[in-house]
């Protein structure tokens, strides 16, 4: 039962991420941003890396919610999970 709940949660996060994060070549040169803003996923990740909680990051941007911050972090994690690692020779 936990596995099913985990799959449902993953599906919800993916849908939420797709609804909250957009990539538009006309906005911030195509960097992923919180939908309807110019706040990039990169900015959000950097703020969280500095130790800010999602609510604290959201408080810095009037149109960004804590849920947007979580979606940005999920987007970044998903993006990194698909990167290709090339071994050094």
PDB file of N, CA and C in Angstrom:
ATOM      1  N   UNK A   1       0.821  -1.194   0.000  1.00  0.00           N
ATOM      2  CA  UNK A   1       0.000   0.000   0.000  1.00  0.00           C
ATOM      3  C   UNK A   1       0.862   1.254   0.000  1.00  0.00           C
ATOM      4  N   UNK A   2       1.983   1.224   0.648  1.00  0.00           N
ATOM      5  CA  UNK A   2       2.877   2.381   0.664  1.00  0.00           C
ATOM      6  C   UNK A   2       3.391   2.673  -0.737  1.00  0.00           C
ATOM      7  N   UNK A   3       3.708   1.617  -1.507  1.00  0.00           N
ATOM      8  CA  UNK A   3       4.209   1.806  -2.864  1.00  0.00           C
ATOM      9  C   UNK A   3       3.176   2.524  -3.719  1.00  0.00           C
ATOM     10  N   UNK A   4       1.909   2.153  -3.597  1.00  0.00           N
ATOM     11  CA  UNK A   4       0.849   2.825  -4.349  1.00  0.00           C
ATOM     12  C   UNK A   4       0.710   4.282  -3.951  1.00  0.00           C
ATOM     13  N   UNK A   5       0.797   4.543  -2.662  1.00  0.00           N
ATOM     14  CA  UNK A   5       0.715   5.925  -2.177  1.00  0.00           C
ATOM     15  C   UNK A   5       1.898   6.736  -2.689  1.00  0.00           C
ATOM     16  N   UNK A   6       3.069   6.102  -2.728  1.00  0.00           N
ATOM     17  CA  UNK A   6       4.261   6.779  -3.227  1.00  0.00           C
ATOM     18  C   UNK A   6       4.107   7.117  -4.712  1.00  0.00           C
ATOM     19  N   UNK A   7       3.557   6.196  -5.495  1.00  0.00           N
ATOM     20  CA  UNK A   7       3.323   6.457  -6.929  1.00  0.00           C
ATOM     21  C   UNK A   7       2.337   7.599  -7.105  1.00  0.00           C
ATOM     22  N   UNK A   8       1.280   7.612  -6.298  1.00  0.00           N
ATOM     23  CA  UNK A   8       0.300   8.694  -6.384  1.00  0.00           C
ATOM     24  C   UNK A   8       0.928  10.039  -6.050  1.00  0.00           C
ATOM     25  N   UNK A   9       1.778  10.050  -5.025  1.00  0.00           N
ATOM     26  CA  UNK A   9       2.454  11.281  -4.629  1.00  0.00           C
ATOM     27  C   UNK A   9       3.383  11.750  -5.748  1.00  0.00           C
ATOM     28  N   UNK A  10       4.111  10.819  -6.370  1.00  0.00           N
ATOM     29  CA  UNK A  10       5.012  11.176  -7.469  1.00  0.00           C
ATOM     30  C   UNK A  10       4.222  11.738  -8.644  1.00  0.00           C
ATOM     31  N   UNK A  11       3.097  11.143  -8.953  1.00  0.00           N
ATOM     32  CA  UNK A  11       2.266  11.638 -10.054  1.00  0.00           C
ATOM     33  C   UNK A  11       1.750  13.040  -9.736  1.00  0.00           C
ATOM     34  N   UNK A  12       1.346  13.264  -8.493  1.00  0.00           N
ATOM     35  CA  UNK A  12       0.858  14.588  -8.108  1.00  0.00           C
ATOM     36  C   UNK A  12       1.969  15.629  -8.220  1.00  0.00           C
ATOM     37  N   UNK A  13       3.190  15.283  -7.741  1.00  0.00           N
ATOM     38  CA  UNK A  13       4.307  16.223  -7.831  1.00  0.00           C
ATOM     39  C   UNK A  13       4.618  16.558  -9.282  1.00  0.00           C
ATOM     40  N   UNK A  14       4.605  15.548 -10.166  1.00  0.00           N
ATOM     41  CA  UNK A  14       4.902  15.790 -11.578  1.00  0.00           C
ATOM     42  C   UNK A  14       3.866  16.730 -12.187  1.00  0.00           C
ATOM     43  N   UNK A  15       2.585  16.467 -11.922  1.00  0.00           N
ATOM     44  CA  UNK A  15       1.528  17.323 -12.446  1.00  0.00           C
ATOM     45  C   UNK A  15       1.654  18.729 -11.875  1.00  0.00           C
ATOM     46  N   UNK A  16       1.890  18.825 -10.574  1.00  0.00           N
ATOM     47  CA  UNK A  16       2.030  20.130  -9.939  1.00  0.00           C
ATOM     48  C   UNK A  16       3.227  20.878 -10.526  1.00  0.00           C
ATOM     49  N   UNK A  17       4.325  20.175 -10.735  1.00  0.00           N
ATOM     50  CA  UNK A  17       5.520  20.778 -11.294  1.00  0.00           C
ATOM     51  C   UNK A  17       5.223  21.299 -12.702  1.00  0.00           C
ATOM     52  N   UNK A  18       4.528  20.500 -13.502  1.00  0.00           N
ATOM     53  CA  UNK A  18       4.208  20.913 -14.866  1.00  0.00           C
ATOM     54  C   UNK A  18       3.278  22.118 -14.891  1.00  0.00           C
ATOM     55  N   UNK A  19       2.412  22.238 -13.896  1.00  0.00           N
ATOM     56  CA  UNK A  19       1.496  23.382 -13.827  1.00  0.00           C
ATOM     57  C   UNK A  19       2.170  24.644 -13.296  1.00  0.00           C
ATOM     58  N   UNK A  20       3.240  24.499 -12.563  1.00  0.00           N
ATOM     59  CA  UNK A  20       3.878  25.641 -11.904  1.00  0.00           C
ATOM     60  C   UNK A  20       5.162  26.121 -12.566  1.00  0.00           C
ATOM     61  N   UNK A  21       5.829  25.267 -13.325  1.00  0.00           N
ATOM     62  CA  UNK A  21       7.112  25.620 -13.936  1.00  0.00           C
ATOM     63  C   UNK A  21       6.940  25.643 -15.446  1.00  0.00           C
ATOM     64  N   UNK A  22       7.476  26.680 -16.087  1.00  0.00           N
ATOM     65  CA  UNK A  22       7.385  26.758 -17.539  1.00  0.00           C
ATOM     66  C   UNK A  22       8.726  27.132 -18.150  1.00  0.00           C
ATOM     67  N   UNK A  23       8.881  26.743 -19.396  1.00  0.00           N
ATOM     68  CA  UNK A  23      10.061  27.112 -20.169  1.00  0.00           C
ATOM     69  C   UNK A  23       9.556  27.792 -21.435  1.00  0.00           C
ATOM     70  N   UNK A  24       9.904  29.062 -21.577  1.00  0.00           N
ATOM     71  CA  UNK A  24       9.462  29.861 -22.714  1.00  0.00           C
ATOM     72  C   UNK A  24      10.671  30.630 -23.229  1.00  0.00           C
ATOM     73  N   UNK A  25      11.053  30.434 -24.486  1.00  0.00           N
ATOM     74  CA  UNK A  25      12.223  31.135 -25.020  1.00  0.00           C
ATOM     75  C   UNK A  25      12.138  32.663 -24.892  1.00  0.00           C
ATOM     76  N   UNK A  26      10.932  33.189 -24.775  1.00  0.00           N
ATOM     77  CA  UNK A  26      10.755  34.636 -24.664  1.00  0.00           C
ATOM     78  C   UNK A  26      10.893  35.143 -23.225  1.00  0.00           C
ATOM     79  N   UNK A  27      11.012  34.229 -22.270  1.00  0.00           N
ATOM     80  CA  UNK A  27      11.120  34.619 -20.863  1.00  0.00           C
ATOM     81  C   UNK A  27      12.452  34.117 -20.320  1.00  0.00           C
ATOM     82  N   UNK A  28      13.274  35.029 -19.871  1.00  0.00           N
ATOM     83  CA  UNK A  28      14.569  34.697 -19.264  1.00  0.00           C
ATOM     84  C   UNK A  28      15.402  33.767 -20.163  1.00  0.00           C
ATOM     85  N   UNK A  29      15.314  34.023 -21.472  1.00  0.00           N
ATOM     86  CA  UNK A  29      16.083  33.255 -22.476  1.00  0.00           C
ATOM     87  C   UNK A  29      15.837  31.761 -22.398  1.00  0.00           C
ATOM     88  N   UNK A  30      14.631  31.381 -22.005  1.00  0.00           N
ATOM     89  CA  UNK A  30      14.251  29.979 -21.995  1.00  0.00           C
ATOM     90  C   UNK A  30      14.617  29.208 -20.743  1.00  0.00           C
ATOM     91  N   UNK A  31      15.133  29.903 -19.729  1.00  0.00           N
ATOM     92  CA  UNK A  31      15.404  29.204 -18.468  1.00  0.00           C
ATOM     93  C   UNK A  31      14.071  28.819 -17.832  1.00  0.00           C
ATOM     94  N   UNK A  32      14.030  27.703 -17.095  1.00  0.00           N
ATOM     95  CA  UNK A  32      12.796  27.345 -16.394  1.00  0.00           C
ATOM     96  C   UNK A  32      12.474  28.385 -15.325  1.00  0.00           C
ATOM     97  N   UNK A  33      11.221  28.829 -15.312  1.00  0.00           N
ATOM     98  CA  UNK A  33      10.769  29.845 -14.361  1.00  0.00           C
ATOM     99  C   UNK A  33       9.458  29.406 -13.722  1.00  0.00           C
ATOM    100  N   UNK A  34       9.126  30.039 -12.612  1.00  0.00           N
ATOM    101  CA  UNK A  34       7.804  29.861 -12.025  1.00  0.00           C
ATOM    102  C   UNK A  34       6.808  30.504 -12.989  1.00  0.00           C
ATOM    103  N   UNK A  35       5.814  29.746 -13.377  1.00  0.00           N
ATOM    104  CA  UNK A  35       4.840  30.205 -14.378  1.00  0.00           C
ATOM    105  C   UNK A  35       4.306  31.599 -14.041  1.00  0.00           C
ATOM    106  N   UNK A  36       4.306  32.469 -15.042  1.00  0.00           N
ATOM    107  CA  UNK A  36       3.768  33.808 -14.877  1.00  0.00           C
ATOM    108  C   UNK A  36       4.719  34.786 -14.207  1.00  0.00           C
ATOM    109  N   UNK A  37       5.961  34.355 -13.970  1.00  0.00           N
ATOM    110  CA  UNK A  37       6.942  35.236 -13.337  1.00  0.00           C
ATOM    111  C   UNK A  37       8.245  35.181 -14.128  1.00  0.00           C
ATOM    112  N   UNK A  38       9.218  35.932 -13.675  1.00  0.00           N
ATOM    113  CA  UNK A  38      10.568  35.862 -14.222  1.00  0.00           C
ATOM    114  C   UNK A  38      11.528  35.288 -13.173  1.00  0.00           C
ATOM    115  N   UNK A  39      10.976  34.611 -12.192  1.00  0.00           N
ATOM    116  CA  UNK A  39      11.762  33.984 -11.128  1.00  0.00           C
ATOM    117  C   UNK A  39      12.206  32.609 -11.631  1.00  0.00           C
ATOM    118  N   UNK A  40      13.523  32.433 -11.777  1.00  0.00           N
ATOM    119  CA  UNK A  40      14.030  31.185 -12.343  1.00  0.00           C
ATOM    120  C   UNK A  40      14.146  30.094 -11.276  1.00  0.00           C
ATOM    121  N   UNK A  41      14.107  28.868 -11.756  1.00  0.00           N
ATOM    122  CA  UNK A  41      14.334  27.718 -10.882  1.00  0.00           C
ATOM    123  C   UNK A  41      15.721  27.841 -10.261  1.00  0.00           C
ATOM    124  N   UNK A  42      16.676  28.303 -11.046  1.00  0.00           N
ATOM    125  CA  UNK A  42      18.037  28.482 -10.524  1.00  0.00           C
ATOM    126  C   UNK A  42      18.062  29.432  -9.332  1.00  0.00           C
ATOM    127  N   UNK A  43      17.350  30.556  -9.428  1.00  0.00           N
ATOM    128  CA  UNK A  43      17.299  31.501  -8.307  1.00  0.00           C
ATOM    129  C   UNK A  43      16.747  30.826  -7.053  1.00  0.00           C
ATOM    130  N   UNK A  44      15.702  30.054  -7.229  1.00  0.00           N
ATOM    131  CA  UNK A  44      15.068  29.388  -6.096  1.00  0.00           C
ATOM    132  C   UNK A  44      16.008  28.368  -5.474  1.00  0.00           C
ATOM    133  N   UNK A  45      16.670  27.572  -6.307  1.00  0.00           N
ATOM    134  CA  UNK A  45      17.605  26.572  -5.780  1.00  0.00           C
ATOM    135  C   UNK A  45      18.720  27.257  -5.014  1.00  0.00           C
ATOM    136  N   UNK A  46      19.248  28.345  -5.548  1.00  0.00           N
ATOM    137  CA  UNK A  46      20.328  29.068  -4.860  1.00  0.00           C
ATOM    138  C   UNK A  46      19.868  29.620  -3.508  1.00  0.00           C
ATOM    139  N   UNK A  47      18.654  30.138  -3.444  1.00  0.00           N
ATOM    140  CA  UNK A  47      18.124  30.661  -2.173  1.00  0.00           C
ATOM    141  C   UNK A  47      17.972  29.537  -1.149  1.00  0.00           C
ATOM    142  N   UNK A  48      17.475  28.389  -1.597  1.00  0.00           N
ATOM    143  CA  UNK A  48      17.331  27.248  -0.686  1.00  0.00           C
ATOM    144  C   UNK A  48      18.700  26.747  -0.246  1.00  0.00           C
ATOM    145  N   UNK A  49      19.672  26.788  -1.155  1.00  0.00           N
ATOM    146  CA  UNK A  49      21.033  26.359  -0.804  1.00  0.00           C
ATOM    147  C   UNK A  49      21.647  27.277   0.257  1.00  0.00           C
ATOM    148  N   UNK A  50      21.210  28.520   0.279  1.00  0.00           N
ATOM    149  CA  UNK A  50      21.677  29.456   1.314  1.00  0.00           C
ATOM    150  C   UNK A  50      21.040  29.164   2.661  1.00  0.00           C
ATOM    151  N   UNK A  51      20.065  28.248   2.682  1.00  0.00           N
ATOM    152  CA  UNK A  51      19.448  27.872   3.949  1.00  0.00           C
ATOM    153  C   UNK A  51      18.050  28.404   4.159  1.00  0.00           C
ATOM    154  N   UNK A  52      17.475  29.071   3.170  1.00  0.00           N
ATOM    155  CA  UNK A  52      16.125  29.604   3.334  1.00  0.00           C
ATOM    156  C   UNK A  52      15.091  28.499   3.164  1.00  0.00           C
ATOM    157  N   UNK A  53      14.037  28.572   3.945  1.00  0.00           N
ATOM    158  CA  UNK A  53      12.907  27.651   3.831  1.00  0.00           C
ATOM    159  C   UNK A  53      12.036  28.093   2.657  1.00  0.00           C
ATOM    160  N   UNK A  54      11.226  27.182   2.094  1.00  0.00           N
ATOM    161  CA  UNK A  54      10.364  27.564   0.977  1.00  0.00           C
ATOM    162  C   UNK A  54       9.508  28.801   1.249  1.00  0.00           C
ATOM    163  N   UNK A  55       8.970  28.914   2.448  1.00  0.00           N
ATOM    164  CA  UNK A  55       8.151  30.094   2.774  1.00  0.00           C
ATOM    165  C   UNK A  55       8.990  31.369   2.760  1.00  0.00           C
ATOM    166  N   UNK A  56      10.238  31.274   3.204  1.00  0.00           N
ATOM    167  CA  UNK A  56      11.123  32.448   3.202  1.00  0.00           C
ATOM    168  C   UNK A  56      11.488  32.853   1.774  1.00  0.00           C
ATOM    169  N   UNK A  57      11.716  31.865   0.922  1.00  0.00           N
ATOM    170  CA  UNK A  57      12.009  32.179  -0.480  1.00  0.00           C
ATOM    171  C   UNK A  57      10.792  32.829  -1.114  1.00  0.00           C
ATOM    172  N   UNK A  58       9.629  32.250  -0.911  1.00  0.00           N
ATOM    173  CA  UNK A  58       8.399  32.792  -1.492  1.00  0.00           C
ATOM    174  C   UNK A  58       8.137  34.213  -1.013  1.00  0.00           C
ATOM    175  N   UNK A  59       8.469  34.506   0.223  1.00  0.00           N
ATOM    176  CA  UNK A  59       8.231  35.847   0.769  1.00  0.00           C
ATOM    177  C   UNK A  59       9.033  36.922   0.037  1.00  0.00           C
ATOM    178  N   UNK A  60      10.107  36.529  -0.637  1.00  0.00           N
ATOM    179  CA  UNK A  60      10.932  37.484  -1.370  1.00  0.00           C
ATOM    180  C   UNK A  60      10.331  37.869  -2.720  1.00  0.00           C
ATOM    181  N   UNK A  61       9.399  37.061  -3.204  1.00  0.00           N
ATOM    182  CA  UNK A  61       8.809  37.283  -4.519  1.00  0.00           C
ATOM    183  C   UNK A  61       7.289  37.304  -4.381  1.00  0.00           C
ATOM    184  N   UNK A  62       6.657  38.441  -4.620  1.00  0.00           N
ATOM    185  CA  UNK A  62       5.220  38.578  -4.358  1.00  0.00           C
ATOM    186  C   UNK A  62       4.323  37.562  -5.072  1.00  0.00           C
ATOM    187  N   UNK A  63       4.723  37.073  -6.249  1.00  0.00           N
ATOM    188  CA  UNK A  63       3.848  36.173  -7.007  1.00  0.00           C
ATOM    189  C   UNK A  63       4.256  34.700  -6.885  1.00  0.00           C
ATOM    190  N   UNK A  64       5.169  34.397  -5.975  1.00  0.00           N
ATOM    191  CA  UNK A  64       5.640  33.022  -5.796  1.00  0.00           C
ATOM    192  C   UNK A  64       5.135  32.488  -4.456  1.00  0.00           C
ATOM    193  N   UNK A  65       4.607  31.274  -4.476  1.00  0.00           N
ATOM    194  CA  UNK A  65       4.100  30.640  -3.261  1.00  0.00           C
ATOM    195  C   UNK A  65       5.104  29.589  -2.776  1.00  0.00           C
ATOM    196  N   UNK A  66       4.987  29.158  -1.532  1.00  0.00           N
ATOM    197  CA  UNK A  66       5.849  28.058  -1.072  1.00  0.00           C
ATOM    198  C   UNK A  66       5.691  26.803  -1.935  1.00  0.00           C
ATOM    199  N   UNK A  67       4.491  26.570  -2.449  1.00  0.00           N
ATOM    200  CA  UNK A  67       4.266  25.416  -3.327  1.00  0.00           C
ATOM    201  C   UNK A  67       5.033  25.573  -4.636  1.00  0.00           C
ATOM    202  N   UNK A  68       5.156  26.815  -5.139  1.00  0.00           N
ATOM    203  CA  UNK A  68       5.958  27.078  -6.334  1.00  0.00           C
ATOM    204  C   UNK A  68       7.424  26.732  -6.066  1.00  0.00           C
ATOM    205  N   UNK A  69       7.893  27.081  -4.890  1.00  0.00           N
ATOM    206  CA  UNK A  69       9.278  26.795  -4.516  1.00  0.00           C
ATOM    207  C   UNK A  69       9.504  25.281  -4.495  1.00  0.00           C
ATOM    208  N   UNK A  70       8.584  24.545  -3.906  1.00  0.00           N
ATOM    209  CA  UNK A  70       8.709  23.084  -3.872  1.00  0.00           C
ATOM    210  C   UNK A  70       8.667  22.502  -5.283  1.00  0.00           C
ATOM    211  N   UNK A  71       7.828  23.058  -6.146  1.00  0.00           N
ATOM    212  CA  UNK A  71       7.763  22.587  -7.528  1.00  0.00           C
ATOM    213  C   UNK A  71       9.075  22.875  -8.252  1.00  0.00           C
ATOM    214  N   UNK A  72       9.678  24.025  -7.977  1.00  0.00           N
ATOM    215  CA  UNK A  72      10.969  24.360  -8.594  1.00  0.00           C
ATOM    216  C   UNK A  72      12.054  23.392  -8.136  1.00  0.00           C
ATOM    217  N   UNK A  73      12.053  23.055  -6.868  1.00  0.00           N
ATOM    218  CA  UNK A  73      13.035  22.095  -6.362  1.00  0.00           C
ATOM    219  C   UNK A  73      12.809  20.708  -6.973  1.00  0.00           C
ATOM    220  N   UNK A  74      11.558  20.308  -7.113  1.00  0.00           N
ATOM    221  CA  UNK A  74      11.244  19.019  -7.740  1.00  0.00           C
ATOM    222  C   UNK A  74      11.684  19.027  -9.203  1.00  0.00           C
ATOM    223  N   UNK A  75      11.468  20.151  -9.887  1.00  0.00           N
ATOM    224  CA  UNK A  75      11.897  20.270 -11.278  1.00  0.00           C
ATOM    225  C   UNK A  75      13.407  20.114 -11.379  1.00  0.00           C
ATOM    226  N   UNK A  76      14.141  20.796 -10.510  1.00  0.00           N
ATOM    227  CA  UNK A  76      15.610  20.728 -10.529  1.00  0.00           C
ATOM    228  C   UNK A  76      16.083  19.305 -10.257  1.00  0.00           C
ATOM    229  N   UNK A  77      15.472  18.626  -9.301  1.00  0.00           N
ATOM    230  CA  UNK A  77      15.859  17.252  -8.988  1.00  0.00           C
ATOM    231  C   UNK A  77      15.566  16.332 -10.164  1.00  0.00           C
ATOM    232  N   UNK A  78      14.424  16.513 -10.782  1.00  0.00           N
ATOM    233  CA  UNK A  78      14.059  15.700 -11.936  1.00  0.00           C
ATOM    234  C   UNK A  78      15.024  15.951 -13.093  1.00  0.00           C
ATOM    235  N   UNK A  79      15.357  17.199 -13.315  1.00  0.00           N
ATOM    236  CA  UNK A  79      16.296  17.563 -14.386  1.00  0.00           C
ATOM    237  C   UNK A  79      17.651  16.890 -14.148  1.00  0.00           C
ATOM    238  N   UNK A  80      18.145  16.965 -12.928  1.00  0.00           N
ATOM    239  CA  UNK A  80      19.445  16.366 -12.621  1.00  0.00           C
ATOM    240  C   UNK A  80      19.413  14.846 -12.680  1.00  0.00           C
ATOM    241  N   UNK A  81      18.289  14.251 -12.450  1.00  0.00           N
ATOM    242  CA  UNK A  81      18.215  12.788 -12.503  1.00  0.00           C
ATOM    243  C   UNK A  81      18.375  12.266 -13.923  1.00  0.00           C
ATOM    244  N   UNK A  82      18.245  13.143 -14.918  1.00  0.00           N
ATOM    245  CA  UNK A  82      18.368  12.738 -16.319  1.00  0.00           C
ATOM    246  C   UNK A  82      19.685  13.162 -16.948  1.00  0.00           C
ATOM    247  N   UNK A  83      20.588  13.724 -16.153  1.00  0.00           N
ATOM    248  CA  UNK A  83      21.855  14.166 -16.733  1.00  0.00           C
ATOM    249  C   UNK A  83      22.748  12.968 -17.049  1.00  0.00           C
ATOM    250  N   UNK A  84      23.649  13.176 -17.996  1.00  0.00           N
ATOM    251  CA  UNK A  84      24.586  12.133 -18.383  1.00  0.00           C
ATOM    252  C   UNK A  84      25.928  12.415 -17.728  1.00  0.00           C
ATOM    253  N   UNK A  85      26.463  11.419 -17.083  1.00  0.00           N
ATOM    254  CA  UNK A  85      27.764  11.541 -16.423  1.00  0.00           C
ATOM    255  C   UNK A  85      28.824  10.961 -17.360  1.00  0.00           C
ATOM    256  N   UNK A  86      29.846  11.726 -17.641  1.00  0.00           N
ATOM    257  CA  UNK A  86      30.933  11.272 -18.493  1.00  0.00           C
ATOM    258  C   UNK A  86      32.163  11.066 -17.620  1.00  0.00           C
ATOM    259  N   UNK A  87      32.688   9.858 -17.605  1.00  0.00           N
ATOM    260  CA  UNK A  87      33.844   9.530 -16.762  1.00  0.00           C
ATOM    261  C   UNK A  87      35.087  10.196 -17.303  1.00  0.00           C
ATOM    262  N   UNK A  88      35.907  10.693 -16.416  1.00  0.00           N
ATOM    263  CA  UNK A  88      37.190  11.287 -16.798  1.00  0.00           C
ATOM    264  C   UNK A  88      38.158  10.156 -17.156  1.00  0.00           C
ATOM    265  N   UNK A  89      39.010  10.419 -18.105  1.00  0.00           N
ATOM    266  CA  UNK A  89      39.993   9.395 -18.503  1.00  0.00           C
ATOM    267  C   UNK A  89      41.322   9.646 -17.875  1.00  0.00           C
TER     268      UNK A  89
END
